Amino acid sequence: MKPEEGAEPLCSDLLAHKHLQRMIKDTKLSAPLLAALPAAMLGDWAASNRGAFVLVAFLDHAEAKKTLSSAVKAKKLSKEAKAQAGTKLLLEKLDL
């Protein structure tokens, strides 16, 4: 699942991130989707405001917290990333 070089991640699109959130909350696809996303990609999403909001949607599911905590800890988020509303919320929900 490597995006084209220079391409923005799907979660950075205004409408796509909202649709991803709904899909994760409303379907049984969330566990397989989370398992298919590489940890590095999860870390990148955590560093972007919209991506972090998408990751928060995964937290309604049992195993997601452990997976997301590991990925976010490995990312070493910048001060700017930690100041974003989505990333702040994600870190709060992960107790990081």
PDB file of N, CA and C in Angstrom:
ATOM      1  N   MET A   1       0.823  -1.189   0.000  1.00  0.00           N
ATOM      2  CA  MET A   1       0.000   0.000   0.000  1.00  0.00           C
ATOM      3  C   MET A   1       0.864   1.249   0.000  1.00  0.00           C
ATOM      4  N   LYS A   2       1.767   1.354  -0.927  1.00  0.00           N
ATOM      5  CA  LYS A   2       2.605   2.534  -0.991  1.00  0.00           C
ATOM      6  C   LYS A   2       1.988   3.545  -1.939  1.00  0.00           C
ATOM      7  N   PRO A   3       1.771   4.780  -1.464  1.00  0.00           N
ATOM      8  CA  PRO A   3       1.229   5.794  -2.361  1.00  0.00           C
ATOM      9  C   PRO A   3       2.279   6.216  -3.377  1.00  0.00           C
ATOM     10  N   GLU A   4       1.813   6.797  -4.468  1.00  0.00           N
ATOM     11  CA  GLU A   4       2.747   7.314  -5.457  1.00  0.00           C
ATOM     12  C   GLU A   4       3.590   8.394  -4.805  1.00  0.00           C
ATOM     13  N   GLU A   5       4.828   8.511  -5.263  1.00  0.00           N
ATOM     14  CA  GLU A   5       5.710   9.510  -4.689  1.00  0.00           C
ATOM     15  C   GLU A   5       5.131  10.901  -4.922  1.00  0.00           C
ATOM     16  N   GLY A   6       5.091  11.701  -3.882  1.00  0.00           N
ATOM     17  CA  GLY A   6       4.555  13.051  -3.971  1.00  0.00           C
ATOM     18  C   GLY A   6       3.047  13.135  -3.836  1.00  0.00           C
ATOM     19  N   ALA A   7       2.376  12.000  -3.801  1.00  0.00           N
ATOM     20  CA  ALA A   7       0.914  11.993  -3.677  1.00  0.00           C
ATOM     21  C   ALA A   7       0.521  12.203  -2.218  1.00  0.00           C
ATOM     22  N   GLU A   8      -0.541  12.952  -2.024  1.00  0.00           N
ATOM     23  CA  GLU A   8      -1.071  13.164  -0.678  1.00  0.00           C
ATOM     24  C   GLU A   8      -1.781  11.899  -0.211  1.00  0.00           C
ATOM     25  N   PRO A   9      -1.686  11.562   1.069  1.00  0.00           N
ATOM     26  CA  PRO A   9      -2.431  10.397   1.568  1.00  0.00           C
ATOM     27  C   PRO A   9      -3.934  10.655   1.480  1.00  0.00           C
ATOM     28  N   LEU A  10      -4.686   9.599   1.316  1.00  0.00           N
ATOM     29  CA  LEU A  10      -6.136   9.693   1.188  1.00  0.00           C
ATOM     30  C   LEU A  10      -6.755  10.435   2.368  1.00  0.00           C
ATOM     31  N   CYS A  11      -6.228  10.227   3.540  1.00  0.00           N
ATOM     32  CA  CYS A  11      -6.809  10.841   4.739  1.00  0.00           C
ATOM     33  C   CYS A  11      -6.635  12.353   4.775  1.00  0.00           C
ATOM     34  N   SER A  12      -5.803  12.923   3.909  1.00  0.00           N
ATOM     35  CA  SER A  12      -5.608  14.373   3.926  1.00  0.00           C
ATOM     36  C   SER A  12      -6.672  15.117   3.122  1.00  0.00           C
ATOM     37  N   ASP A  13      -7.453  14.395   2.346  1.00  0.00           N
ATOM     38  CA  ASP A  13      -8.518  15.013   1.566  1.00  0.00           C
ATOM     39  C   ASP A  13      -9.697  15.363   2.474  1.00  0.00           C
ATOM     40  N   LEU A  14     -10.290  16.528   2.256  1.00  0.00           N
ATOM     41  CA  LEU A  14     -11.377  17.024   3.094  1.00  0.00           C
ATOM     42  C   LEU A  14     -12.547  16.051   3.187  1.00  0.00           C
ATOM     43  N   LEU A  15     -13.011  15.550   2.071  1.00  0.00           N
ATOM     44  CA  LEU A  15     -14.152  14.631   2.081  1.00  0.00           C
ATOM     45  C   LEU A  15     -13.742  13.198   2.389  1.00  0.00           C
ATOM     46  N   ALA A  16     -12.598  12.784   1.877  1.00  0.00           N
ATOM     47  CA  ALA A  16     -12.171  11.393   2.058  1.00  0.00           C
ATOM     48  C   ALA A  16     -11.964  11.051   3.530  1.00  0.00           C
ATOM     49  N   HIS A  17     -11.422  11.963   4.302  1.00  0.00           N
ATOM     50  CA  HIS A  17     -11.185  11.631   5.714  1.00  0.00           C
ATOM     51  C   HIS A  17     -12.503  11.450   6.460  1.00  0.00           C
ATOM     52  N   LYS A  18     -13.526  12.203   6.094  1.00  0.00           N
ATOM     53  CA  LYS A  18     -14.846  12.021   6.721  1.00  0.00           C
ATOM     54  C   LYS A  18     -15.457  10.675   6.320  1.00  0.00           C
ATOM     55  N   HIS A  19     -15.313  10.318   5.050  1.00  0.00           N
ATOM     56  CA  HIS A  19     -15.846   9.030   4.592  1.00  0.00           C
ATOM     57  C   HIS A  19     -15.096   7.865   5.236  1.00  0.00           C
ATOM     58  N   LEU A  20     -13.792   7.999   5.388  1.00  0.00           N
ATOM     59  CA  LEU A  20     -13.021   6.957   6.072  1.00  0.00           C
ATOM     60  C   LEU A  20     -13.495   6.788   7.513  1.00  0.00           C
ATOM     61  N   GLN A  21     -13.732   7.893   8.198  1.00  0.00           N
ATOM     62  CA  GLN A  21     -14.216   7.817   9.581  1.00  0.00           C
ATOM     63  C   GLN A  21     -15.542   7.064   9.649  1.00  0.00           C
ATOM     64  N   ARG A  22     -16.457   7.398   8.758  1.00  0.00           N
ATOM     65  CA  ARG A  22     -17.765   6.728   8.755  1.00  0.00           C
ATOM     66  C   ARG A  22     -17.627   5.245   8.430  1.00  0.00           C
ATOM     67  N   MET A  23     -16.788   4.933   7.451  1.00  0.00           N
ATOM     68  CA  MET A  23     -16.600   3.540   7.053  1.00  0.00           C
ATOM     69  C   MET A  23     -16.020   2.720   8.213  1.00  0.00           C
ATOM     70  N   ILE A  24     -15.065   3.281   8.906  1.00  0.00           N
ATOM     71  CA  ILE A  24     -14.429   2.584  10.028  1.00  0.00           C
ATOM     72  C   ILE A  24     -15.435   2.338  11.147  1.00  0.00           C
ATOM     73  N   LYS A  25     -16.287   3.310  11.425  1.00  0.00           N
ATOM     74  CA  LYS A  25     -17.257   3.173  12.514  1.00  0.00           C
ATOM     75  C   LYS A  25     -18.447   2.296  12.141  1.00  0.00           C
ATOM     76  N   ASP A  26     -18.828   2.283  10.878  1.00  0.00           N
ATOM     77  CA  ASP A  26     -20.072   1.625  10.472  1.00  0.00           C
ATOM     78  C   ASP A  26     -19.917   0.223   9.894  1.00  0.00           C
ATOM     79  N   THR A  27     -18.728  -0.262   9.730  1.00  0.00           N
ATOM     80  CA  THR A  27     -18.572  -1.563   9.089  1.00  0.00           C
ATOM     81  C   THR A  27     -17.623  -2.465   9.862  1.00  0.00           C
ATOM     82  N   LYS A  28     -17.593  -3.690   9.436  1.00  0.00           N
ATOM     83  CA  LYS A  28     -16.665  -4.653  10.033  1.00  0.00           C
ATOM     84  C   LYS A  28     -15.321  -4.631   9.316  1.00  0.00           C
ATOM     85  N   LEU A  29     -15.110  -3.640   8.472  1.00  0.00           N
ATOM     86  CA  LEU A  29     -13.852  -3.523   7.746  1.00  0.00           C
ATOM     87  C   LEU A  29     -12.738  -2.911   8.587  1.00  0.00           C
ATOM     88  N   SER A  30     -13.075  -2.375   9.731  1.00  0.00           N
ATOM     89  CA  SER A  30     -12.075  -1.632  10.493  1.00  0.00           C
ATOM     90  C   SER A  30     -10.879  -2.487  10.915  1.00  0.00           C
ATOM     91  N   ALA A  31     -11.103  -3.676  11.432  1.00  0.00           N
ATOM     92  CA  ALA A  31      -9.982  -4.524  11.872  1.00  0.00           C
ATOM     93  C   ALA A  31      -9.089  -4.931  10.702  1.00  0.00           C
ATOM     94  N   PRO A  32      -9.658  -5.421   9.576  1.00  0.00           N
ATOM     95  CA  PRO A  32      -8.791  -5.755   8.449  1.00  0.00           C
ATOM     96  C   PRO A  32      -8.085  -4.532   7.861  1.00  0.00           C
ATOM     97  N   LEU A  33      -8.771  -3.392   7.849  1.00  0.00           N
ATOM     98  CA  LEU A  33      -8.155  -2.173   7.325  1.00  0.00           C
ATOM     99  C   LEU A  33      -6.986  -1.750   8.202  1.00  0.00           C
ATOM    100  N   LEU A  34      -7.173  -1.760   9.494  1.00  0.00           N
ATOM    101  CA  LEU A  34      -6.093  -1.392  10.411  1.00  0.00           C
ATOM    102  C   LEU A  34      -4.918  -2.357  10.280  1.00  0.00           C
ATOM    103  N   ALA A  35      -5.211  -3.636  10.144  1.00  0.00           N
ATOM    104  CA  ALA A  35      -4.149  -4.640   9.991  1.00  0.00           C
ATOM    105  C   ALA A  35      -3.377  -4.452   8.684  1.00  0.00           C
ATOM    106  N   ALA A  36      -4.041  -3.926   7.661  1.00  0.00           N
ATOM    107  CA  ALA A  36      -3.401  -3.754   6.354  1.00  0.00           C
ATOM    108  C   ALA A  36      -2.537  -2.497   6.275  1.00  0.00           C
ATOM    109  N   LEU A  37      -2.732  -1.569   7.184  1.00  0.00           N
ATOM    110  CA  LEU A  37      -1.964  -0.322   7.150  1.00  0.00           C
ATOM    111  C   LEU A  37      -0.630  -0.511   7.865  1.00  0.00           C
ATOM    112  N   PRO A  38       0.483  -0.225   7.185  1.00  0.00           N
ATOM    113  CA  PRO A  38       1.793  -0.352   7.829  1.00  0.00           C
ATOM    114  C   PRO A  38       1.936   0.636   8.993  1.00  0.00           C
ATOM    115  N   ALA A  39       2.699   0.269   9.989  1.00  0.00           N
ATOM    116  CA  ALA A  39       2.896   1.118  11.167  1.00  0.00           C
ATOM    117  C   ALA A  39       3.434   2.492  10.775  1.00  0.00           C
ATOM    118  N   ALA A  40       4.333   2.541   9.804  1.00  0.00           N
ATOM    119  CA  ALA A  40       4.887   3.831   9.370  1.00  0.00           C
ATOM    120  C   ALA A  40       3.794   4.732   8.807  1.00  0.00           C
ATOM    121  N   MET A  41       2.853   4.150   8.073  1.00  0.00           N
ATOM    122  CA  MET A  41       1.754   4.933   7.518  1.00  0.00           C
ATOM    123  C   MET A  41       0.846   5.433   8.640  1.00  0.00           C
ATOM    124  N   LEU A  42       0.593   4.592   9.634  1.00  0.00           N
ATOM    125  CA  LEU A  42      -0.213   5.015  10.780  1.00  0.00           C
ATOM    126  C   LEU A  42       0.453   6.190  11.493  1.00  0.00           C
ATOM    127  N   GLY A  43       1.761   6.132  11.627  1.00  0.00           N
ATOM    128  CA  GLY A  43       2.497   7.235  12.243  1.00  0.00           C
ATOM    129  C   GLY A  43       2.392   8.512  11.438  1.00  0.00           C
ATOM    130  N   ASP A  44       2.474   8.383  10.115  1.00  0.00           N
ATOM    131  CA  ASP A  44       2.320   9.555   9.247  1.00  0.00           C
ATOM    132  C   ASP A  44       0.923  10.147   9.378  1.00  0.00           C
ATOM    133  N   TRP A  45      -0.085   9.279   9.436  1.00  0.00           N
ATOM    134  CA  TRP A  45      -1.460   9.762   9.596  1.00  0.00           C
ATOM    135  C   TRP A  45      -1.616  10.460  10.940  1.00  0.00           C
ATOM    136  N   ALA A  46      -0.984   9.946  11.976  1.00  0.00           N
ATOM    137  CA  ALA A  46      -1.074  10.558  13.308  1.00  0.00           C
ATOM    138  C   ALA A  46      -0.467  11.956  13.313  1.00  0.00           C
ATOM    139  N   ALA A  47       0.504  12.189  12.446  1.00  0.00           N
ATOM    140  CA  ALA A  47       1.170  13.488  12.375  1.00  0.00           C
ATOM    141  C   ALA A  47       0.372  14.514  11.584  1.00  0.00           C
ATOM    142  N   SER A  48      -0.686  14.081  10.901  1.00  0.00           N
ATOM    143  CA  SER A  48      -1.526  15.031  10.161  1.00  0.00           C
ATOM    144  C   SER A  48      -2.861  15.167  10.887  1.00  0.00           C
ATOM    145  N   ASN A  49      -3.403  16.351  10.886  1.00  0.00           N
ATOM    146  CA  ASN A  49      -4.629  16.622  11.628  1.00  0.00           C
ATOM    147  C   ASN A  49      -5.773  15.714  11.188  1.00  0.00           C
ATOM    148  N   ARG A  50      -6.066  15.688   9.906  1.00  0.00           N
ATOM    149  CA  ARG A  50      -7.173  14.864   9.411  1.00  0.00           C
ATOM    150  C   ARG A  50      -6.881  13.381   9.580  1.00  0.00           C
ATOM    151  N   GLY A  51      -5.639  12.994   9.350  1.00  0.00           N
ATOM    152  CA  GLY A  51      -5.264  11.594   9.530  1.00  0.00           C
ATOM    153  C   GLY A  51      -5.462  11.135  10.960  1.00  0.00           C
ATOM    154  N   ALA A  52      -5.136  12.014  11.903  1.00  0.00           N
ATOM    155  CA  ALA A  52      -5.314  11.674  13.318  1.00  0.00           C
ATOM    156  C   ALA A  52      -6.788  11.466  13.650  1.00  0.00           C
ATOM    157  N   PHE A  53      -7.665  12.292  13.068  1.00  0.00           N
ATOM    158  CA  PHE A  53      -9.099  12.102  13.301  1.00  0.00           C
ATOM    159  C   PHE A  53      -9.576  10.761  12.738  1.00  0.00           C
ATOM    160  N   VAL A  54      -9.007  10.337  11.605  1.00  0.00           N
ATOM    161  CA  VAL A  54      -9.348   9.020  11.052  1.00  0.00           C
ATOM    162  C   VAL A  54      -8.905   7.931  12.027  1.00  0.00           C
ATOM    163  N   LEU A  55      -7.712   8.063  12.572  1.00  0.00           N
ATOM    164  CA  LEU A  55      -7.213   7.060  13.519  1.00  0.00           C
ATOM    165  C   LEU A  55      -8.051   7.013  14.791  1.00  0.00           C
ATOM    166  N   VAL A  56      -8.569   8.148  15.225  1.00  0.00           N
ATOM    167  CA  VAL A  56      -9.446   8.177  16.405  1.00  0.00           C
ATOM    168  C   VAL A  56     -10.668   7.293  16.166  1.00  0.00           C
ATOM    169  N   ALA A  57     -11.161   7.261  14.935  1.00  0.00           N
ATOM    170  CA  ALA A  57     -12.334   6.432  14.618  1.00  0.00           C
ATOM    171  C   ALA A  57     -12.052   4.950  14.870  1.00  0.00           C
ATOM    172  N   PHE A  58     -10.815   4.521  14.687  1.00  0.00           N
ATOM    173  CA  PHE A  58     -10.460   3.121  14.943  1.00  0.00           C
ATOM    174  C   PHE A  58     -10.587   2.761  16.424  1.00  0.00           C
ATOM    175  N   LEU A  59     -10.496   3.736  17.304  1.00  0.00           N
ATOM    176  CA  LEU A  59     -10.456   3.458  18.737  1.00  0.00           C
ATOM    177  C   LEU A  59     -11.765   2.933  19.304  1.00  0.00           C
ATOM    178  N   ASP A  60     -12.809   2.907  18.501  1.00  0.00           N
ATOM    179  CA  ASP A  60     -14.068   2.291  18.932  1.00  0.00           C
ATOM    180  C   ASP A  60     -13.984   0.767  18.893  1.00  0.00           C
ATOM    181  N   HIS A  61     -12.884   0.242  18.388  1.00  0.00           N
ATOM    182  CA  HIS A  61     -12.716  -1.201  18.222  1.00  0.00           C
ATOM    183  C   HIS A  61     -11.610  -1.705  19.148  1.00  0.00           C
ATOM    184  N   ALA A  62     -11.815  -2.862  19.694  1.00  0.00           N
ATOM    185  CA  ALA A  62     -11.016  -3.417  20.785  1.00  0.00           C
ATOM    186  C   ALA A  62      -9.498  -3.397  20.596  1.00  0.00           C
ATOM    187  N   GLU A  63      -8.998  -3.976  19.543  1.00  0.00           N
ATOM    188  CA  GLU A  63      -7.552  -4.148  19.396  1.00  0.00           C
ATOM    189  C   GLU A  63      -6.829  -2.919  18.868  1.00  0.00           C
ATOM    190  N   ALA A  64      -7.543  -1.904  18.475  1.00  0.00           N
ATOM    191  CA  ALA A  64      -6.931  -0.754  17.813  1.00  0.00           C
ATOM    192  C   ALA A  64      -5.992   0.033  18.721  1.00  0.00           C
ATOM    193  N   LYS A  65      -6.327   0.173  19.982  1.00  0.00           N
ATOM    194  CA  LYS A  65      -5.532   1.020  20.872  1.00  0.00           C
ATOM    195  C   LYS A  65      -4.079   0.553  20.952  1.00  0.00           C
ATOM    196  N   LYS A  66      -3.875  -0.732  21.087  1.00  0.00           N
ATOM    197  CA  LYS A  66      -2.514  -1.280  21.178  1.00  0.00           C
ATOM    198  C   LYS A  66      -1.734  -1.014  19.889  1.00  0.00           C
ATOM    199  N   THR A  67      -2.357  -1.294  18.754  1.00  0.00           N
ATOM    200  CA  THR A  67      -1.710  -1.102  17.454  1.00  0.00           C
ATOM    201  C   THR A  67      -1.364   0.362  17.231  1.00  0.00           C
ATOM    202  N   LEU A  68      -2.326   1.242  17.494  1.00  0.00           N
ATOM    203  CA  LEU A  68      -2.109   2.670  17.269  1.00  0.00           C
ATOM    204  C   LEU A  68      -1.086   3.243  18.242  1.00  0.00           C
ATOM    205  N   SER A  69      -1.110   2.816  19.486  1.00  0.00           N
ATOM    206  CA  SER A  69      -0.130   3.299  20.468  1.00  0.00           C
ATOM    207  C   SER A  69       1.287   2.991  20.015  1.00  0.00           C
ATOM    208  N   SER A  70       1.511   1.778  19.559  1.00  0.00           N
ATOM    209  CA  SER A  70       2.844   1.378  19.089  1.00  0.00           C
ATOM    210  C   SER A  70       3.291   2.227  17.912  1.00  0.00           C
ATOM    211  N   ALA A  71       2.400   2.431  16.953  1.00  0.00           N
ATOM    212  CA  ALA A  71       2.742   3.193  15.750  1.00  0.00           C
ATOM    213  C   ALA A  71       3.020   4.656  16.076  1.00  0.00           C
ATOM    214  N   VAL A  72       2.218   5.239  16.945  1.00  0.00           N
ATOM    215  CA  VAL A  72       2.386   6.654  17.288  1.00  0.00           C
ATOM    216  C   VAL A  72       3.658   6.857  18.111  1.00  0.00           C
ATOM    217  N   LYS A  73       3.946   5.957  19.032  1.00  0.00           N
ATOM    218  CA  LYS A  73       5.179   6.058  19.824  1.00  0.00           C
ATOM    219  C   LYS A  73       6.406   5.984  18.925  1.00  0.00           C
ATOM    220  N   ALA A  74       6.355   5.146  17.904  1.00  0.00           N
ATOM    221  CA  ALA A  74       7.486   4.974  16.993  1.00  0.00           C
ATOM    222  C   ALA A  74       7.694   6.192  16.096  1.00  0.00           C
ATOM    223  N   LYS A  75       6.672   7.001  15.892  1.00  0.00           N
ATOM    224  CA  LYS A  75       6.737   8.126  14.953  1.00  0.00           C
ATOM    225  C   LYS A  75       7.551   9.303  15.469  1.00  0.00           C
ATOM    226  N   LYS A  76       7.608   9.553  16.737  1.00  0.00           N
ATOM    227  CA  LYS A  76       8.285  10.734  17.291  1.00  0.00           C
ATOM    228  C   LYS A  76       7.674  12.007  16.691  1.00  0.00           C
ATOM    229  N   LEU A  77       6.478  12.315  17.108  1.00  0.00           N
ATOM    230  CA  LEU A  77       5.740  13.456  16.573  1.00  0.00           C
ATOM    231  C   LEU A  77       6.405  14.783  16.933  1.00  0.00           C
ATOM    232  N   SER A  78       6.381  15.715  15.983  1.00  0.00           N
ATOM    233  CA  SER A  78       6.942  17.044  16.219  1.00  0.00           C
ATOM    234  C   SER A  78       6.029  17.849  17.139  1.00  0.00           C
ATOM    235  N   LYS A  79       6.563  18.937  17.660  1.00  0.00           N
ATOM    236  CA  LYS A  79       5.783  19.828  18.523  1.00  0.00           C
ATOM    237  C   LYS A  79       4.586  20.387  17.752  1.00  0.00           C
ATOM    238  N   GLU A  80       4.797  20.719  16.468  1.00  0.00           N
ATOM    239  CA  GLU A  80       3.723  21.258  15.632  1.00  0.00           C
ATOM    240  C   GLU A  80       2.620  20.222  15.429  1.00  0.00           C
ATOM    241  N   ALA A  81       3.014  18.984  15.192  1.00  0.00           N
ATOM    242  CA  ALA A  81       2.025  17.920  14.992  1.00  0.00           C
ATOM    243  C   ALA A  81       1.215  17.704  16.267  1.00  0.00           C
ATOM    244  N   LYS A  82       1.889  17.722  17.401  1.00  0.00           N
ATOM    245  CA  LYS A  82       1.196  17.508  18.679  1.00  0.00           C
ATOM    246  C   LYS A  82       0.216  18.632  19.009  1.00  0.00           C
ATOM    247  N   ALA A  83       0.398  19.810  18.392  1.00  0.00           N
ATOM    248  CA  ALA A  83      -0.471  20.957  18.656  1.00  0.00           C
ATOM    249  C   ALA A  83      -1.766  20.914  17.843  1.00  0.00           C
ATOM    250  N   GLN A  84      -1.833  20.071  16.825  1.00  0.00           N
ATOM    251  CA  GLN A  84      -3.031  19.982  15.984  1.00  0.00           C
ATOM    252  C   GLN A  84      -4.176  19.339  16.767  1.00  0.00           C
ATOM    253  N   ALA A  85      -5.391  19.786  16.500  1.00  0.00           N
ATOM    254  CA  ALA A  85      -6.562  19.287  17.234  1.00  0.00           C
ATOM    255  C   ALA A  85      -6.719  17.773  17.109  1.00  0.00           C
ATOM    256  N   GLY A  86      -6.578  17.240  15.913  1.00  0.00           N
ATOM    257  CA  GLY A  86      -6.754  15.805  15.711  1.00  0.00           C
ATOM    258  C   GLY A  86      -5.696  14.989  16.423  1.00  0.00           C
ATOM    259  N   THR A  87      -4.455  15.434  16.316  1.00  0.00           N
ATOM    260  CA  THR A  87      -3.358  14.719  16.961  1.00  0.00           C
ATOM    261  C   THR A  87      -3.470  14.815  18.480  1.00  0.00           C
ATOM    262  N   LYS A  88      -3.862  15.980  18.978  1.00  0.00           N
ATOM    263  CA  LYS A  88      -4.073  16.138  20.427  1.00  0.00           C
ATOM    264  C   LYS A  88      -5.114  15.145  20.931  1.00  0.00           C
ATOM    265  N   LEU A  89      -6.224  15.061  20.215  1.00  0.00           N
ATOM    266  CA  LEU A  89      -7.299  14.150  20.609  1.00  0.00           C
ATOM    267  C   LEU A  89      -6.824  12.701  20.573  1.00  0.00           C
ATOM    268  N   LEU A  90      -6.097  12.334  19.522  1.00  0.00           N
ATOM    269  CA  LEU A  90      -5.579  10.970  19.398  1.00  0.00           C
ATOM    270  C   LEU A  90      -4.647  10.642  20.562  1.00  0.00           C
ATOM    271  N   LEU A  91      -3.720  11.533  20.859  1.00  0.00           N
ATOM    272  CA  LEU A  91      -2.779  11.302  21.961  1.00  0.00           C
ATOM    273  C   LEU A  91      -3.510  11.186  23.296  1.00  0.00           C
ATOM    274  N   GLU A  92      -4.532  12.008  23.476  1.00  0.00           N
ATOM    275  CA  GLU A  92      -5.327  11.955  24.709  1.00  0.00           C
ATOM    276  C   GLU A  92      -6.035  10.606  24.839  1.00  0.00           C
ATOM    277  N   LYS A  93      -6.644  10.149  23.760  1.00  0.00           N
ATOM    278  CA  LYS A  93      -7.384   8.881  23.799  1.00  0.00           C
ATOM    279  C   LYS A  93      -6.453   7.681  23.943  1.00  0.00           C
ATOM    280  N   LEU A  94      -5.205   7.829  23.485  1.00  0.00           N
ATOM    281  CA  LEU A  94      -4.226   6.749  23.618  1.00  0.00           C
ATOM    282  C   LEU A  94      -3.457   6.833  24.940  1.00  0.00           C
ATOM    283  N   ASP A  95      -3.739   7.851  25.732  1.00  0.00           N
ATOM    284  CA  ASP A  95      -3.035   8.076  27.003  1.00  0.00           C
ATOM    285  C   ASP A  95      -1.537   8.244  26.797  1.00  0.00           C
ATOM    286  N   LEU A  96      -1.159   9.010  25.762  1.00  0.00           N
ATOM    287  CA  LEU A  96       0.266   9.246  25.472  1.00  0.00           C
ATOM    288  C   LEU A  96       0.646  10.690  25.764  1.00  0.00           C
TER     289      LEU A  96
END
